[in-house]
C-alpha atoms as a PDB file:
ATOM      1  CA  MET A   1      16.746  -1.451 -17.497  1.00  0.00           C
ATOM      2  CA  THR A   2      20.488  -1.301 -17.868  1.00  0.00           C
ATOM      3  CA  ALA A   3      22.686  -4.366 -18.067  1.00  0.00           C
ATOM      4  CA  ASP A   4      24.092  -3.425 -14.647  1.00  0.00           C
ATOM      5  CA  ALA A   5      20.604  -3.400 -13.117  1.00  0.00           C
ATOM      6  CA  ARG A   6      19.812  -6.778 -14.651  1.00  0.00           C
ATOM      7  CA  ASP A   7      23.080  -8.198 -13.306  1.00  0.00           C
ATOM      8  CA  ARG A   8      22.364  -6.787  -9.850  1.00  0.00           C
ATOM      9  CA  ASP A   9      18.898  -8.386  -9.800  1.00  0.00           C
ATOM     10  CA  GLN A  10      20.121 -11.793 -10.901  1.00  0.00           C
ATOM     11  CA  GLY A  11      20.270 -14.262  -8.064  1.00  0.00           C
ATOM     12  CA  VAL A  12      17.631 -12.388  -6.085  1.00  0.00           C
ATOM     13  CA  GLY A  13      15.399 -15.432  -6.534  1.00  0.00           C
ATOM     14  CA  ALA A  14      12.660 -13.617  -8.403  1.00  0.00           C
ATOM     15  CA  GLY A  15      10.573 -16.700  -9.262  1.00  0.00           C
ATOM     16  CA  PRO A  16       6.981 -15.489  -9.572  1.00  0.00           C
ATOM     17  CA  PHE A  17       8.185 -11.896  -9.781  1.00  0.00           C
ATOM     18  CA  ASP A  18      10.243 -12.358 -12.978  1.00  0.00           C
ATOM     19  CA  GLY A  19       7.528 -10.905 -15.193  1.00  0.00           C
ATOM     20  CA  ILE A  20       6.404  -8.106 -12.889  1.00  0.00           C
ATOM     21  CA  ASP A  21       9.647  -6.767 -11.381  1.00  0.00           C
ATOM     22  CA  PRO A  22       9.995  -4.146 -14.157  1.00  0.00           C
ATOM     23  CA  THR A  23       6.452  -2.885 -13.471  1.00  0.00           C
ATOM     24  CA  LEU A  24       7.141  -2.796  -9.730  1.00  0.00           C
ATOM     25  CA  THR A  25      10.315  -0.803 -10.360  1.00  0.00           C
ATOM     26  CA  ILE A  26       8.530   1.721 -12.587  1.00  0.00           C
ATOM     27  CA  PHE A  27       5.645   2.099 -10.121  1.00  0.00           C
ATOM     28  CA  ALA A  28       8.089   2.631  -7.260  1.00  0.00           C
ATOM     29  CA  LEU A  29      10.075   5.254  -9.161  1.00  0.00           C
ATOM     30  CA  ALA A  30       6.930   7.066 -10.336  1.00  0.00           C
ATOM     31  CA  ASN A  31       5.576   7.256  -6.778  1.00  0.00           C
ATOM     32  CA  GLY A  32       8.764   8.085  -4.849  1.00  0.00           C
ATOM     33  CA  MET A  33       9.017   4.629  -3.256  1.00  0.00           C
ATOM     34  CA  ASP A  34      11.826   2.204  -2.575  1.00  0.00           C
ATOM     35  CA  LEU A  35      11.501  -1.359  -3.842  1.00  0.00           C
ATOM     36  CA  ASP A  36      12.898  -4.026  -1.532  1.00  0.00           C
ATOM     37  CA  LYS A  37      13.484  -7.421  -3.200  1.00  0.00           C
ATOM     38  CA  LYS A  38      14.086 -10.530  -1.122  1.00  0.00           C
ATOM     39  CA  GLY A  39      13.425 -13.976  -2.574  1.00  0.00           C
ATOM     40  CA  GLY A  40       9.676 -14.564  -2.690  1.00  0.00           C
ATOM     41  CA  VAL A  41       8.835 -11.153  -1.234  1.00  0.00           C
ATOM     42  CA  ARG A  42       8.658  -7.661  -2.690  1.00  0.00           C
ATOM     43  CA  ARG A  43       7.838  -4.524  -0.727  1.00  0.00           C
ATOM     44  CA  LEU A  44       7.350  -1.023  -2.017  1.00  0.00           C
ATOM     45  CA  GLU A  45       8.108   1.386   0.846  1.00  0.00           C
ATOM     46  CA  TRP A  46       7.602   5.101   1.505  1.00  0.00           C
ATOM     47  CA  TYR A  47       7.223   7.544   4.390  1.00  0.00           C
ATOM     48  CA  ARG A  48       4.123   9.689   4.906  1.00  0.00           C
ATOM     49  CA  ASP A  49       2.442  11.436   7.827  1.00  0.00           C
ATOM     50  CA  GLY A  50       4.815  10.120  10.474  1.00  0.00           C
ATOM     51  CA  HIS A  51       4.657   6.458   9.399  1.00  0.00           C
ATOM     52  CA  ASP A  52       6.591   4.154   7.156  1.00  0.00           C
ATOM     53  CA  ARG A  53       4.196   2.553   4.719  1.00  0.00           C
ATOM     54  CA  GLY A  54       4.419  -0.332   2.335  1.00  0.00           C
ATOM     55  CA  ILE A  55       2.775  -2.604  -0.167  1.00  0.00           C
ATOM     56  CA  LEU A  56       3.899  -6.156   0.534  1.00  0.00           C
ATOM     57  CA  LEU A  57       3.733  -8.793  -2.209  1.00  0.00           C
ATOM     58  CA  THR A  58       4.334 -12.363  -1.083  1.00  0.00           C
ATOM     59  CA  SER A  59       4.416 -15.493  -3.185  1.00  0.00           C
ATOM     60  CA  ALA A  60       2.979 -18.825  -2.133  1.00  0.00           C
ATOM     61  CA  SER A  61       4.250 -22.258  -3.132  1.00  0.00           C
ATOM     62  CA  ASP A  62       1.330 -22.602  -5.586  1.00  0.00           C
ATOM     63  CA  GLY A  63       2.580 -19.565  -7.548  1.00  0.00           C
ATOM     64  CA  THR A  64      -0.108 -17.170  -6.347  1.00  0.00           C
ATOM     65  CA  VAL A  65       0.750 -13.752  -4.961  1.00  0.00           C
ATOM     66  CA  SER A  66      -0.904 -11.914  -2.081  1.00  0.00           C
ATOM     67  CA  VAL A  67      -0.850  -8.125  -1.756  1.00  0.00           C
ATOM     68  CA  THR A  68      -1.018  -6.447   1.670  1.00  0.00           C
ATOM     69  CA  ALA A  69      -0.972  -2.758   2.644  1.00  0.00           C
ATOM     70  CA  GLN A  70       1.095  -1.905   5.725  1.00  0.00           C
ATOM     71  CA  ALA A  71       1.949   1.040   7.994  1.00  0.00           C
ATOM     72  CA  TRP A  72       4.264   1.219  11.011  1.00  0.00           C
ATOM     73  CA  LYS A  73       6.279   3.648  13.095  1.00  0.00           C
ATOM     74  CA  ARG A  74       9.980   3.336  12.445  1.00  0.00           C
ATOM     75  CA  GLY A  75      11.665   1.345  15.203  1.00  0.00           C
ATOM     76  CA  ASP A  76       8.364   0.197  16.732  1.00  0.00           C
ATOM     77  CA  ASP A  77       7.529  -3.301  15.465  1.00  0.00           C
ATOM     78  CA  ALA A  78       4.440  -3.442  17.672  1.00  0.00           C
ATOM     79  CA  SER A  79       2.914  -0.547  15.703  1.00  0.00           C
ATOM     80  CA  LEU A  80       2.602  -2.560  12.469  1.00  0.00           C
ATOM     81  CA  ARG A  81      -0.869  -2.337  10.974  1.00  0.00           C
ATOM     82  CA  ARG A  82      -1.873  -4.169   7.837  1.00  0.00           C
ATOM     83  CA  THR A  83      -4.839  -4.844   5.647  1.00  0.00           C
ATOM     84  CA  PRO A  84      -5.128  -7.308   2.779  1.00  0.00           C
ATOM     85  CA  VAL A  85      -5.580  -5.821  -0.677  1.00  0.00           C
ATOM     86  CA  ARG A  86      -6.005  -9.140  -2.481  1.00  0.00           C
ATOM     87  CA  GLU A  87      -4.956 -12.673  -1.623  1.00  0.00           C
ATOM     88  CA  HIS A  88      -3.946 -15.598  -3.821  1.00  0.00           C
ATOM     89  CA  VAL A  89      -3.816 -13.807  -7.175  1.00  0.00           C
ATOM     90  CA  PRO A  90      -3.122 -16.448  -9.864  1.00  0.00           C
ATOM     91  CA  PRO A  91       0.017 -15.852 -11.961  1.00  0.00           C
ATOM     92  CA  ASP A  92      -1.990 -15.518 -15.177  1.00  0.00           C
ATOM     93  CA  GLU A  93      -4.034 -12.660 -13.642  1.00  0.00           C
ATOM     94  CA  LEU A  94      -1.213 -10.878 -11.865  1.00  0.00           C
ATOM     95  CA  ALA A  95       0.394  -8.978 -14.739  1.00  0.00           C
ATOM     96  CA  GLY A  96      -2.942  -7.668 -15.993  1.00  0.00           C
ATOM     97  CA  SER A  97      -4.157  -6.482 -12.599  1.00  0.00           C
ATOM     98  CA  LEU A  98      -0.852  -5.392 -11.046  1.00  0.00           C
ATOM     99  CA  THR A  99      -1.140  -1.615 -11.522  1.00  0.00           C
ATOM    100  CA  SER A 100      -4.685  -1.636 -10.143  1.00  0.00           C
ATOM    101  CA  LEU A 101      -3.582  -3.731  -7.148  1.00  0.00           C
ATOM    102  CA  LEU A 102      -0.666  -1.396  -6.457  1.00  0.00           C
ATOM    103  CA  GLU A 103      -2.906   1.672  -6.645  1.00  0.00           C
ATOM    104  CA  ARG A 104      -5.349   0.038  -4.220  1.00  0.00           C
ATOM    105  CA  GLY A 105      -2.438  -0.906  -1.956  1.00  0.00           C
ATOM    106  CA  LEU A 106      -1.109   2.655  -2.022  1.00  0.00           C
ATOM    107  CA  GLU A 107      -4.499   4.065  -1.046  1.00  0.00           C
ATOM    108  CA  ALA A 108      -5.003   1.445   1.676  1.00  0.00           C
ATOM    109  CA  ALA A 109      -1.533   1.934   3.186  1.00  0.00           C
ATOM    110  CA  ASN A 110      -1.940   5.714   3.247  1.00  0.00           C
ATOM    111  CA  GLY A 111      -5.255   5.210   5.040  1.00  0.00           C
ATOM    112  CA  LEU A 112      -3.779   3.091   7.841  1.00  0.00           C
END
């Protein structure tokens, strides 16, 4: 990661994502996805078969992270479909299982 990229990401409020943001970025780039970073939420997004799709990672106040697969039609909020991939992943497990969780999320989102 370049110094410019690090500077740009500072102040995003990474918190529980500090250690995994680089892995999320690499996974997104390798799979043709965008990575949206907002405070305690990360979402990898892509478009396939007429739907926007995403893998949503949300952090809880206890430091755990939940991973959810999503699909929706652009501009139609009522079309949002989602399925949990894994909920309440402890921080000490997250880094070791992240790639597997993302792969499961990708498969689940493409299946919605």
